[in-house]
Amino acid sequence: MTALALPTRRDEDFRYADLAALAPLWPIEPERFVLEADEEAGLSIIHTGADPVVREIELDLAAGAKFALHLLNAGTVYGRFAVRARLGAGAEFTLGAAQLGSAGQVLEVVTEVTHAAPDAISRQVVRSVAGGKAAVNYLGKVLVEPGADGTDGEQSVRSMLLDRTATANNRPELEIYADDVKCAHGCAVGELDANALFYMAQRGLPPEEAKKLMLQAFVAEAFVGAAEEEALLDAALEALGALV
């Protein structure tokens, strides 16, 4: 049996990947979740360790099934999470992900969500923060197949750069082959609001604490409604301590 070749930068989903860190872990065995009609399930992942982590998650949702995935990607070395979801009629997929890096690591979330039947819903919220020489990546594709009328797909992607040496690579993508759909994506890369920081400083809040509070609110948007919201936020707050 021929071993699966290591991807190169010509592979679109690996354009910004840390291939040197990926090589000893390759190939990756996908984790597969199959939900029957009207079944509901969820998964929360917290990655804050010192070892590289690469995971591939495959979701197959039958009619009316619902799956919610919430992820904190904040390890001190390479962290890559690739998600492929196929949605049946009326199925719902939710992704809430936060990425926090400051140690020069590469952190990335790669998604491909296929609306294969009518009236399915997908929601993706990704919030990334990078300081130092870290790179945070999101490559996300929503594919609406022929006949998947009534699709409702949304991607909300925002990255915050704390230093000019940090990098954010965001690529939300829509590919639509059906009529009567509602699909949208929003993408922004920015810095902390200087006016807001000044306002908080004028009221006696130390700069580091002000930054931490603003970043906490920013990251929390990814975890709204998660079954393990408190654990995700607690881990995110601890990771933010290394950024500010």
C-alpha atoms as a PDB file:
ATOM      1  CA  MET A   1       0.000   0.000   0.000  1.00  0.00           C
ATOM      2  CA  THR A   2       1.465   3.359  -1.031  1.00  0.00           C
ATOM      3  CA  ALA A   3       1.902   5.879   1.787  1.00  0.00           C
ATOM      4  CA  LEU A   4      -0.024   9.105   1.411  1.00  0.00           C
ATOM      5  CA  ALA A   5       2.368  11.786   0.180  1.00  0.00           C
ATOM      6  CA  LEU A   6       3.068  14.742   2.424  1.00  0.00           C
ATOM      7  CA  PRO A   7       1.232  17.852   1.144  1.00  0.00           C
ATOM      8  CA  THR A   8       3.137  20.744  -0.379  1.00  0.00           C
ATOM      9  CA  ARG A   9       2.361  24.453  -0.488  1.00  0.00           C
ATOM     10  CA  ARG A  10       0.753  23.891  -3.857  1.00  0.00           C
ATOM     11  CA  ASP A  11      -2.059  22.128  -1.962  1.00  0.00           C
ATOM     12  CA  GLU A  12      -4.441  24.994  -1.224  1.00  0.00           C
ATOM     13  CA  ASP A  13      -5.418  23.748   2.236  1.00  0.00           C
ATOM     14  CA  PHE A  14      -1.728  23.597   3.245  1.00  0.00           C
ATOM     15  CA  ARG A  15      -0.579  26.888   1.734  1.00  0.00           C
ATOM     16  CA  TYR A  16       0.322  28.396   5.122  1.00  0.00           C
ATOM     17  CA  ALA A  17       0.919  25.182   7.082  1.00  0.00           C
ATOM     18  CA  ASP A  18       4.042  24.369   9.099  1.00  0.00           C
ATOM     19  CA  LEU A  19       5.114  21.464   6.889  1.00  0.00           C
ATOM     20  CA  ALA A  20       8.185  20.659   8.990  1.00  0.00           C
ATOM     21  CA  ALA A  21       6.000  20.179  12.079  1.00  0.00           C
ATOM     22  CA  LEU A  22       3.412  18.274  10.045  1.00  0.00           C
ATOM     23  CA  ALA A  23       5.852  15.775   8.508  1.00  0.00           C
ATOM     24  CA  PRO A  24       6.455  13.500  11.562  1.00  0.00           C
ATOM     25  CA  LEU A  25       2.688  13.311  12.220  1.00  0.00           C
ATOM     26  CA  TRP A  26       1.668  12.518   8.647  1.00  0.00           C
ATOM     27  CA  PRO A  27      -0.575  10.852   7.538  1.00  0.00           C
ATOM     28  CA  ILE A  28      -3.460  11.821   9.814  1.00  0.00           C
ATOM     29  CA  GLU A  29      -6.245   9.369  10.571  1.00  0.00           C
ATOM     30  CA  PRO A  30      -9.585  11.221  10.322  1.00  0.00           C
ATOM     31  CA  GLU A  31     -11.995  11.189  13.258  1.00  0.00           C
ATOM     32  CA  ARG A  32     -15.403  10.427  11.806  1.00  0.00           C
ATOM     33  CA  PHE A  33     -18.786  11.336  13.292  1.00  0.00           C
ATOM     34  CA  VAL A  34     -21.963  10.061  11.626  1.00  0.00           C
ATOM     35  CA  LEU A  35     -25.261  11.422  12.948  1.00  0.00           C
ATOM     36  CA  GLU A  36     -28.577   9.816  12.128  1.00  0.00           C
ATOM     37  CA  ALA A  37     -31.727  11.789  11.310  1.00  0.00           C
ATOM     38  CA  ASP A  38     -32.592  14.370  14.014  1.00  0.00           C
ATOM     39  CA  GLU A  39     -29.674  13.280  16.211  1.00  0.00           C
ATOM     40  CA  GLU A  40     -27.791  15.975  18.134  1.00  0.00           C
ATOM     41  CA  ALA A  41     -24.169  15.942  19.291  1.00  0.00           C
ATOM     42  CA  GLY A  42     -21.297  18.258  20.094  1.00  0.00           C
ATOM     43  CA  LEU A  43     -17.571  18.332  20.711  1.00  0.00           C
ATOM     44  CA  SER A  44     -15.335  20.785  22.584  1.00  0.00           C
ATOM     45  CA  ILE A  45     -11.559  20.749  22.074  1.00  0.00           C
ATOM     46  CA  ILE A  46      -9.006  22.645  24.169  1.00  0.00           C
ATOM     47  CA  HIS A  47      -5.448  22.600  22.820  1.00  0.00           C
ATOM     48  CA  THR A  48      -2.994  24.484  25.031  1.00  0.00           C
ATOM     49  CA  GLY A  49      -0.138  21.994  25.240  1.00  0.00           C
ATOM     50  CA  ALA A  50       3.519  22.044  24.197  1.00  0.00           C
ATOM     51  CA  ASP A  51       3.271  19.254  21.619  1.00  0.00           C
ATOM     52  CA  PRO A  52       2.183  19.706  17.995  1.00  0.00           C
ATOM     53  CA  VAL A  53      -1.403  18.649  17.365  1.00  0.00           C
ATOM     54  CA  VAL A  54      -2.914  17.880  13.963  1.00  0.00           C
ATOM     55  CA  ARG A  55      -6.483  16.560  13.793  1.00  0.00           C
ATOM     56  CA  GLU A  56      -8.886  15.903  10.960  1.00  0.00           C
ATOM     57  CA  ILE A  57     -12.584  15.695  11.803  1.00  0.00           C
ATOM     58  CA  GLU A  58     -15.186  14.417   9.350  1.00  0.00           C
ATOM     59  CA  LEU A  59     -18.898  14.961   9.964  1.00  0.00           C
ATOM     60  CA  ASP A  60     -21.796  13.361   8.115  1.00  0.00           C
ATOM     61  CA  LEU A  61     -25.130  14.778   9.247  1.00  0.00           C
ATOM     62  CA  ALA A  62     -28.370  13.155   8.119  1.00  0.00           C
ATOM     63  CA  ALA A  63     -31.630  15.085   7.742  1.00  0.00           C
ATOM     64  CA  GLY A  64     -32.381  17.284  10.736  1.00  0.00           C
ATOM     65  CA  ALA A  65     -29.188  16.354  12.614  1.00  0.00           C
ATOM     66  CA  LYS A  66     -27.274  18.995  14.582  1.00  0.00           C
ATOM     67  CA  PHE A  67     -23.577  19.138  15.497  1.00  0.00           C
ATOM     68  CA  ALA A  68     -21.752  21.890  17.398  1.00  0.00           C
ATOM     69  CA  LEU A  69     -17.950  22.014  17.441  1.00  0.00           C
ATOM     70  CA  HIS A  70     -16.124  24.463  19.710  1.00  0.00           C
ATOM     71  CA  LEU A  71     -12.365  24.760  19.667  1.00  0.00           C
ATOM     72  CA  LEU A  72      -9.587  26.614  21.465  1.00  0.00           C
ATOM     73  CA  ASN A  73      -6.343  26.367  19.489  1.00  0.00           C
ATOM     74  CA  ALA A  74      -3.672  27.871  21.744  1.00  0.00           C
ATOM     75  CA  GLY A  75      -0.772  25.437  21.921  1.00  0.00           C
ATOM     76  CA  THR A  76       2.774  26.763  22.049  1.00  0.00           C
ATOM     77  CA  VAL A  77       3.749  24.886  18.868  1.00  0.00           C
ATOM     78  CA  TYR A  78       1.950  23.853  15.692  1.00  0.00           C
ATOM     79  CA  GLY A  79      -1.808  23.313  15.957  1.00  0.00           C
ATOM     80  CA  ARG A  80      -3.916  22.362  12.939  1.00  0.00           C
ATOM     81  CA  PHE A  81      -7.588  21.385  12.956  1.00  0.00           C
ATOM     82  CA  ALA A  82      -9.211  20.408   9.664  1.00  0.00           C
ATOM     83  CA  VAL A  83     -12.986  19.914   9.586  1.00  0.00           C
ATOM     84  CA  ARG A  84     -15.066  18.517   6.746  1.00  0.00           C
ATOM     85  CA  ALA A  85     -18.829  18.444   7.197  1.00  0.00           C
ATOM     86  CA  ARG A  86     -21.549  17.177   4.868  1.00  0.00           C
ATOM     87  CA  LEU A  87     -25.069  18.341   5.691  1.00  0.00           C
ATOM     88  CA  GLY A  88     -28.311  16.586   4.816  1.00  0.00           C
ATOM     89  CA  ALA A  89     -31.714  18.254   4.496  1.00  0.00           C
ATOM     90  CA  GLY A  90     -32.386  20.640   7.370  1.00  0.00           C
ATOM     91  CA  ALA A  91     -29.178  19.692   9.191  1.00  0.00           C
ATOM     92  CA  GLU A  92     -27.305  22.263  11.274  1.00  0.00           C
ATOM     93  CA  PHE A  93     -23.553  22.640  11.814  1.00  0.00           C
ATOM     94  CA  THR A  94     -22.006  25.183  14.190  1.00  0.00           C
ATOM     95  CA  LEU A  95     -18.315  25.963  14.554  1.00  0.00           C
ATOM     96  CA  GLY A  96     -16.931  28.339  17.153  1.00  0.00           C
ATOM     97  CA  ALA A  97     -13.133  28.555  17.193  1.00  0.00           C
ATOM     98  CA  ALA A  98     -10.558  30.772  18.879  1.00  0.00           C
ATOM     99  CA  GLN A  99      -6.837  30.783  18.125  1.00  0.00           C
ATOM    100  CA  LEU A 100      -4.282  32.442  20.418  1.00  0.00           C
ATOM    101  CA  GLY A 101      -0.592  32.574  19.539  1.00  0.00           C
ATOM    102  CA  SER A 102       2.445  34.559  20.614  1.00  0.00           C
ATOM    103  CA  ALA A 103       5.414  32.187  20.540  1.00  0.00           C
ATOM    104  CA  GLY A 104       6.109  32.108  16.802  1.00  0.00           C
ATOM    105  CA  GLN A 105       3.896  29.069  16.277  1.00  0.00           C
ATOM    106  CA  VAL A 106       1.496  28.378  13.410  1.00  0.00           C
ATOM    107  CA  LEU A 107      -2.138  27.835  14.399  1.00  0.00           C
ATOM    108  CA  GLU A 108      -4.766  27.031  11.816  1.00  0.00           C
ATOM    109  CA  VAL A 109      -8.346  25.981  11.268  1.00  0.00           C
ATOM    110  CA  VAL A 110      -9.308  24.583   7.879  1.00  0.00           C
ATOM    111  CA  THR A 111     -12.944  23.826   7.050  1.00  0.00           C
ATOM    112  CA  GLU A 112     -15.018  22.564   4.161  1.00  0.00           C
ATOM    113  CA  VAL A 113     -18.772  22.527   4.738  1.00  0.00           C
ATOM    114  CA  THR A 114     -20.895  20.934   2.025  1.00  0.00           C
ATOM    115  CA  HIS A 115     -24.612  21.692   1.873  1.00  0.00           C
ATOM    116  CA  ALA A 116     -25.754  18.580   0.023  1.00  0.00           C
ATOM    117  CA  ALA A 117     -29.539  18.953   0.447  1.00  0.00           C
ATOM    118  CA  PRO A 118     -32.130  21.716   0.959  1.00  0.00           C
ATOM    119  CA  ASP A 119     -32.590  23.906   4.027  1.00  0.00           C
ATOM    120  CA  ALA A 120     -29.374  23.075   5.898  1.00  0.00           C
ATOM    121  CA  ILE A 121     -27.749  25.703   8.128  1.00  0.00           C
ATOM    122  CA  SER A 122     -24.088  26.309   8.892  1.00  0.00           C
ATOM    123  CA  ARG A 123     -22.560  28.918  11.175  1.00  0.00           C
ATOM    124  CA  GLN A 124     -18.817  29.473  11.569  1.00  0.00           C
ATOM    125  CA  VAL A 125     -17.355  32.002  13.998  1.00  0.00           C
ATOM    126  CA  VAL A 126     -13.556  32.203  14.162  1.00  0.00           C
ATOM    127  CA  ARG A 127     -11.649  34.669  16.351  1.00  0.00           C
ATOM    128  CA  SER A 128      -7.843  34.718  16.239  1.00  0.00           C
ATOM    129  CA  VAL A 129      -5.252  36.707  18.190  1.00  0.00           C
ATOM    130  CA  ALA A 130      -1.566  36.757  17.260  1.00  0.00           C
ATOM    131  CA  GLY A 131       1.400  38.424  18.912  1.00  0.00           C
ATOM    132  CA  GLY A 132       5.158  38.062  18.545  1.00  0.00           C
ATOM    133  CA  LYS A 133       5.936  36.129  15.365  1.00  0.00           C
ATOM    134  CA  ALA A 134       2.907  33.831  15.531  1.00  0.00           C
ATOM    135  CA  ALA A 135       0.793  33.049  12.460  1.00  0.00           C
ATOM    136  CA  VAL A 136      -2.946  32.360  12.691  1.00  0.00           C
ATOM    137  CA  ASN A 137      -4.730  30.899   9.674  1.00  0.00           C
ATOM    138  CA  TYR A 138      -8.312  30.213   8.677  1.00  0.00           C
ATOM    139  CA  LEU A 139      -9.111  28.596   5.335  1.00  0.00           C
ATOM    140  CA  GLY A 140     -12.830  27.916   5.052  1.00  0.00           C
ATOM    141  CA  LYS A 141     -15.017  26.839   2.166  1.00  0.00           C
ATOM    142  CA  VAL A 142     -18.800  26.557   2.034  1.00  0.00           C
ATOM    143  CA  LEU A 143     -19.976  24.473  -0.921  1.00  0.00           C
ATOM    144  CA  VAL A 144     -23.646  24.506  -1.911  1.00  0.00           C
ATOM    145  CA  GLU A 145     -24.402  21.598  -4.230  1.00  0.00           C
ATOM    146  CA  PRO A 146     -27.069  21.656  -6.987  1.00  0.00           C
ATOM    147  CA  GLY A 147     -30.545  21.251  -5.515  1.00  0.00           C
ATOM    148  CA  ALA A 148     -29.571  22.461  -2.033  1.00  0.00           C
ATOM    149  CA  ASP A 149     -32.103  25.301  -2.162  1.00  0.00           C
ATOM    150  CA  GLY A 150     -32.857  27.094   1.086  1.00  0.00           C
ATOM    151  CA  THR A 151     -29.247  26.836   2.255  1.00  0.00           C
ATOM    152  CA  ASP A 152     -28.267  29.282   5.013  1.00  0.00           C
ATOM    153  CA  GLY A 153     -24.497  29.503   5.441  1.00  0.00           C
ATOM    154  CA  GLU A 154     -22.458  32.112   7.274  1.00  0.00           C
ATOM    155  CA  GLN A 155     -18.772  32.652   8.076  1.00  0.00           C
ATOM    156  CA  SER A 156     -17.643  35.346  10.520  1.00  0.00           C
ATOM    157  CA  VAL A 157     -13.844  35.585  10.623  1.00  0.00           C
ATOM    158  CA  ARG A 158     -11.873  38.201  12.560  1.00  0.00           C
ATOM    159  CA  SER A 159      -8.216  38.360  13.520  1.00  0.00           C
ATOM    160  CA  MET A 160      -6.426  40.666  15.954  1.00  0.00           C
ATOM    161  CA  LEU A 161      -2.706  41.400  15.553  1.00  0.00           C
ATOM    162  CA  LEU A 162      -0.893  42.581  18.677  1.00  0.00           C
ATOM    163  CA  ASP A 163       2.484  43.079  16.968  1.00  0.00           C
ATOM    164  CA  ARG A 164       3.540  44.039  13.463  1.00  0.00           C
ATOM    165  CA  THR A 165       5.614  40.846  13.326  1.00  0.00           C
ATOM    166  CA  ALA A 166       2.515  38.630  13.696  1.00  0.00           C
ATOM    167  CA  THR A 167       0.603  37.253  10.706  1.00  0.00           C
ATOM    168  CA  ALA A 168      -3.035  36.418   9.962  1.00  0.00           C
ATOM    169  CA  ASN A 169      -4.074  34.543   6.828  1.00  0.00           C
ATOM    170  CA  ASN A 170      -7.849  34.365   6.342  1.00  0.00           C
ATOM    171  CA  ARG A 171      -9.631  32.953   3.310  1.00  0.00           C
ATOM    172  CA  PRO A 172     -13.395  32.459   3.593  1.00  0.00           C
ATOM    173  CA  GLU A 173     -14.834  31.059   0.371  1.00  0.00           C
ATOM    174  CA  LEU A 174     -18.303  30.399  -1.072  1.00  0.00           C
ATOM    175  CA  GLU A 175     -19.032  28.065  -3.970  1.00  0.00           C
ATOM    176  CA  ILE A 176     -22.737  28.010  -4.845  1.00  0.00           C
ATOM    177  CA  TYR A 177     -24.559  25.853  -7.407  1.00  0.00           C
ATOM    178  CA  ALA A 178     -28.144  26.325  -6.193  1.00  0.00           C
ATOM    179  CA  ASP A 179     -30.778  29.031  -6.261  1.00  0.00           C
ATOM    180  CA  ASP A 180     -32.672  30.589  -3.364  1.00  0.00           C
ATOM    181  CA  VAL A 181     -29.803  30.465  -0.879  1.00  0.00           C
ATOM    182  CA  LYS A 182     -28.611  32.814   1.871  1.00  0.00           C
ATOM    183  CA  CYS A 183     -24.834  32.738   2.198  1.00  0.00           C
ATOM    184  CA  ALA A 184     -22.485  35.377   3.566  1.00  0.00           C
ATOM    185  CA  HIS A 185     -18.999  35.776   4.883  1.00  0.00           C
ATOM    186  CA  GLY A 186     -17.291  38.570   6.745  1.00  0.00           C
ATOM    187  CA  CYS A 187     -13.534  38.818   7.236  1.00  0.00           C
ATOM    188  CA  ALA A 188     -11.413  41.438   9.019  1.00  0.00           C
ATOM    189  CA  VAL A 189      -7.863  41.789  10.342  1.00  0.00           C
ATOM    190  CA  GLY A 190      -7.117  44.619  12.756  1.00  0.00           C
ATOM    191  CA  GLU A 191      -5.546  45.849  15.970  1.00  0.00           C
ATOM    192  CA  LEU A 192      -6.879  46.729  19.401  1.00  0.00           C
ATOM    193  CA  ASP A 193      -8.849  49.977  19.369  1.00  0.00           C
ATOM    194  CA  ALA A 194      -6.475  52.690  20.631  1.00  0.00           C
ATOM    195  CA  ASN A 195      -9.368  54.978  21.602  1.00  0.00           C
ATOM    196  CA  ALA A 196     -10.959  52.252  23.711  1.00  0.00           C
ATOM    197  CA  LEU A 197      -7.630  51.560  25.426  1.00  0.00           C
ATOM    198  CA  PHE A 198      -7.200  55.274  26.143  1.00  0.00           C
ATOM    199  CA  TYR A 199     -10.738  55.495  27.527  1.00  0.00           C
ATOM    200  CA  MET A 200     -10.075  52.590  29.911  1.00  0.00           C
ATOM    201  CA  ALA A 201      -6.696  54.031  30.959  1.00  0.00           C
ATOM    202  CA  GLN A 202      -8.381  57.345  31.806  1.00  0.00           C
ATOM    203  CA  ARG A 203     -10.525  55.441  34.270  1.00  0.00           C
ATOM    204  CA  GLY A 204      -7.551  53.925  36.040  1.00  0.00           C
ATOM    205  CA  LEU A 205      -7.328  50.520  34.368  1.00  0.00           C
ATOM    206  CA  PRO A 206      -3.716  49.387  33.793  1.00  0.00           C
ATOM    207  CA  PRO A 207      -2.886  48.926  30.072  1.00  0.00           C
ATOM    208  CA  GLU A 208      -2.275  45.173  30.358  1.00  0.00           C
ATOM    209  CA  GLU A 209      -5.574  44.641  32.141  1.00  0.00           C
ATOM    210  CA  ALA A 210      -7.417  46.761  29.591  1.00  0.00           C
ATOM    211  CA  LYS A 211      -5.938  44.749  26.718  1.00  0.00           C
ATOM    212  CA  LYS A 212      -6.813  41.496  28.430  1.00  0.00           C
ATOM    213  CA  LEU A 213     -10.438  42.544  28.973  1.00  0.00           C
ATOM    214  CA  MET A 214     -10.842  43.606  25.347  1.00  0.00           C
ATOM    215  CA  LEU A 215      -9.302  40.374  24.075  1.00  0.00           C
ATOM    216  CA  GLN A 216     -11.469  38.331  26.441  1.00  0.00           C
ATOM    217  CA  ALA A 217     -14.619  39.876  24.973  1.00  0.00           C
ATOM    218  CA  PHE A 218     -13.281  39.343  21.450  1.00  0.00           C
ATOM    219  CA  VAL A 219     -12.509  35.646  21.984  1.00  0.00           C
ATOM    220  CA  ALA A 220     -15.722  34.959  23.915  1.00  0.00           C
ATOM    221  CA  GLU A 221     -17.739  35.492  20.719  1.00  0.00           C
ATOM    222  CA  ALA A 222     -16.508  32.100  19.483  1.00  0.00           C
ATOM    223  CA  PHE A 223     -17.828  30.195  22.481  1.00  0.00           C
ATOM    224  CA  VAL A 224     -21.340  31.560  22.874  1.00  0.00           C
ATOM    225  CA  GLY A 225     -23.744  28.683  23.435  1.00  0.00           C
ATOM    226  CA  ALA A 226     -21.050  26.014  23.843  1.00  0.00           C
ATOM    227  CA  ALA A 227     -21.883  23.184  26.229  1.00  0.00           C
ATOM    228  CA  GLU A 228     -18.476  23.691  27.877  1.00  0.00           C
ATOM    229  CA  GLU A 229     -18.398  27.451  27.524  1.00  0.00           C
ATOM    230  CA  GLU A 230     -16.966  28.085  30.981  1.00  0.00           C
ATOM    231  CA  ALA A 231     -14.083  25.629  30.538  1.00  0.00           C
ATOM    232  CA  LEU A 232     -13.254  27.071  27.112  1.00  0.00           C
ATOM    233  CA  LEU A 233     -13.259  30.631  28.439  1.00  0.00           C
ATOM    234  CA  ASP A 234     -11.150  29.736  31.474  1.00  0.00           C
ATOM    235  CA  ALA A 235      -8.544  28.091  29.252  1.00  0.00           C
ATOM    236  CA  ALA A 236      -8.623  31.035  26.861  1.00  0.00           C
ATOM    237  CA  LEU A 237      -8.079  33.510  29.716  1.00  0.00           C
ATOM    238  CA  GLU A 238      -5.046  31.570  30.894  1.00  0.00           C
ATOM    239  CA  ALA A 239      -3.628  31.542  27.368  1.00  0.00           C
ATOM    240  CA  LEU A 240      -4.264  35.283  26.996  1.00  0.00           C
ATOM    241  CA  GLY A 241      -1.932  35.854  29.931  1.00  0.00           C
ATOM    242  CA  ALA A 242       0.989  34.950  27.637  1.00  0.00           C
ATOM    243  CA  LEU A 243      -0.099  37.488  25.021  1.00  0.00           C
ATOM    244  CA  VAL A 244      -0.412  40.675  27.101  1.00  0.00           C
END
